[in-house]
Amino acid sequence: MLSWVAVCFSGLLHINAAYKGPQWQFYLFKPLTIVLMMLIGVIGGEASSYTYLILAGLAFSLVGDIFLMLPKDRFIPGLLSFLVAHILYSVAFWQQFEGPMVWWLPSLIGAASVIIFLLLLPNLGPLLIPVGVYIAVIAQMAWGAGEFWMSAHTQAAAHAFGGALLFMVSDTVLAFDRLKGPFKTSVLLIMSTYFCAQGLITFSILS
């Protein structure tokens, strides 16, 4: 429990620093929050391919976080890092899936993803293909987590699905913030949903 208090405290310090400073807290506590989650997973997770894949996804997310908050923007390297993280999460979720697929789920997620892409389309320019691929990958990651939950109905699967959906929300707000222009509450929305998403996915290896 104390370890998760530390995670929440670290995440809140990063969000607060994004608005009020100091700058060193902004740069320290975002990656530290993910590092703490990784340590919790290493200590509390069982030795399994699912655990290793989730930990690897957290590691690539950490790299993506660092790219995205560098003073000189590294949006494409950050995007690629998170793309790898979502692929790793996808493999972990699909490995747990057994039974018939629920086809209405990808229909809903796919429809939402197409709407998001079309809303972003006028602002994409040279990012058209990278962003399109990224949206497709995160959508199928959420689909895989959803199928995992619909087939298993376990606490771990519920955490995975909840985390995947929150990740979609976080990345959608981030995309609109980056491509259509920032708004006052964007950092709060992006980072709160992002940290909750990663926390739930980490929880899925502890359940």
Foldseek 3Di string as FASTA:
>chain_A
DVLVVVLVVLLVQLLVCVPVDDPVSVLPSVLVSLVSLLVCLVVQFDPDLLSVLLSQLSVLQSVLVNQCPDPPHPNPSSLVSNLSSLVSLQVSLLVLADDDADVVQLVVLVVVLVVLLVVLVVQCVVVNVSVNVSSVSLSSSLSSLVNSCVRPVDLLSVLLNQLSVLQNQLVSLVSCCVRVHHDDCSSVSNSVSNSSSSNSNSVSRND
